Amino acid sequence: MSEPGFWDNQEQAQVKINESNSLKAQFDVFHTIDAQQEELEMMYEMLKEEPDEELQADTEIELKKISKSDCGL
């Protein structure tokens, strides 16, 4: 977008901007999924080390949320 002449053709520039926005949205979805997965892994490891009913309930709730969510895909 900072290249010389990028804005000379408004239609072509808009296509590139839309592509860029779409790729960013996809990246954000995958980043969110990755963060959720890491959090669930951490909760699971904590449960393996020391069982805790409250943590297990929280883990199950988070897992159900993720399972029901399409995460924007």
Protein backbone atom coordinates (compact mmCIF):
# COMPACT_ATOMS: atom_id res chain seq x y z
CA MET A 1 0.00 0.00 0.00
CA SER A 2 2.99 2.26 0.38
CA GLU A 3 4.36 1.34 -3.03
CA PRO A 4 4.58 4.17 -5.54
CA GLY A 5 1.53 4.16 -7.78
CA PHE A 6 -0.51 1.86 -5.54
CA TRP A 7 -3.35 4.36 -5.30
CA ASP A 8 -3.29 5.28 -9.00
CA ASN A 9 -5.89 2.61 -9.79
CA GLN A 10 -8.55 2.91 -7.06
CA GLU A 11 -10.39 -0.28 -8.04
CA GLN A 12 -7.24 -2.38 -8.02
CA ALA A 13 -6.17 -0.79 -4.73
CA GLN A 14 -9.55 -1.62 -3.18
CA VAL A 15 -9.23 -5.26 -4.30
CA LYS A 16 -5.82 -5.50 -2.61
CA ILE A 17 -7.13 -3.85 0.55
CA ASN A 18 -10.05 -6.29 0.67
CA GLU A 19 -7.67 -9.23 0.21
CA SER A 20 -5.45 -7.90 2.97
CA ASN A 21 -8.42 -7.44 5.33
CA SER A 22 -9.64 -10.97 4.59
CA LEU A 23 -6.22 -12.45 5.33
CA LYS A 24 -5.97 -10.47 8.56
CA ALA A 25 -9.40 -11.72 9.66
CA GLN A 26 -8.34 -15.32 8.96
CA PHE A 27 -5.11 -14.81 10.89
CA ASP A 28 -7.06 -13.38 13.83
CA VAL A 29 -9.36 -16.43 13.87
CA PHE A 30 -6.43 -18.85 13.89
CA HIS A 31 -4.66 -16.80 16.56
CA THR A 32 -7.78 -16.98 18.73
CA ILE A 33 -8.11 -20.73 18.22
CA ASP A 34 -4.43 -21.20 19.08
CA ALA A 35 -4.75 -19.16 22.28
CA GLN A 36 -7.85 -21.11 23.34
CA GLN A 37 -6.12 -24.41 22.65
CA GLU A 38 -3.07 -23.38 24.68
CA GLU A 39 -5.28 -22.33 27.60
CA LEU A 40 -7.14 -25.65 27.52
CA GLU A 41 -3.86 -27.55 27.43
CA MET A 42 -2.63 -25.64 30.47
CA MET A 43 -5.88 -26.32 32.34
CA TYR A 44 -5.65 -30.02 31.44
CA GLU A 45 -2.06 -30.25 32.67
CA MET A 46 -3.04 -28.57 35.93
CA LEU A 47 -5.87 -31.05 36.36
CA LYS A 48 -3.53 -33.99 35.76
CA GLU A 49 -1.16 -32.72 38.44
CA GLU A 50 -3.80 -31.84 40.98
CA PRO A 51 -7.46 -32.72 40.39
CA ASP A 52 -9.77 -29.85 41.23
CA GLU A 53 -13.55 -29.92 40.75
CA GLU A 54 -13.86 -26.20 40.07
CA LEU A 55 -11.05 -26.18 37.52
CA GLN A 56 -12.50 -29.26 35.86
CA ALA A 57 -15.90 -27.57 35.61
CA ASP A 58 -14.28 -24.43 34.13
CA THR A 59 -12.34 -26.56 31.66
CA GLU A 60 -15.48 -28.37 30.55
CA ILE A 61 -17.31 -25.07 30.10
CA GLU A 62 -14.49 -23.64 27.98
CA LEU A 63 -14.30 -26.79 25.91
CA LYS A 64 -18.06 -26.68 25.25
CA LYS A 65 -17.83 -23.01 24.25
CA ILE A 66 -15.10 -23.80 21.75
CA SER A 67 -16.95 -26.86 20.45
CA LYS A 68 -20.11 -24.80 19.83
CA SER A 69 -18.28 -21.89 18.28
CA ASP A 70 -17.44 -21.80 14.62
CA CYS A 71 -14.76 -19.19 15.46
CA GLY A 72 -15.65 -17.17 12.41
CA LEU A 73 -14.76 -19.89 9.93
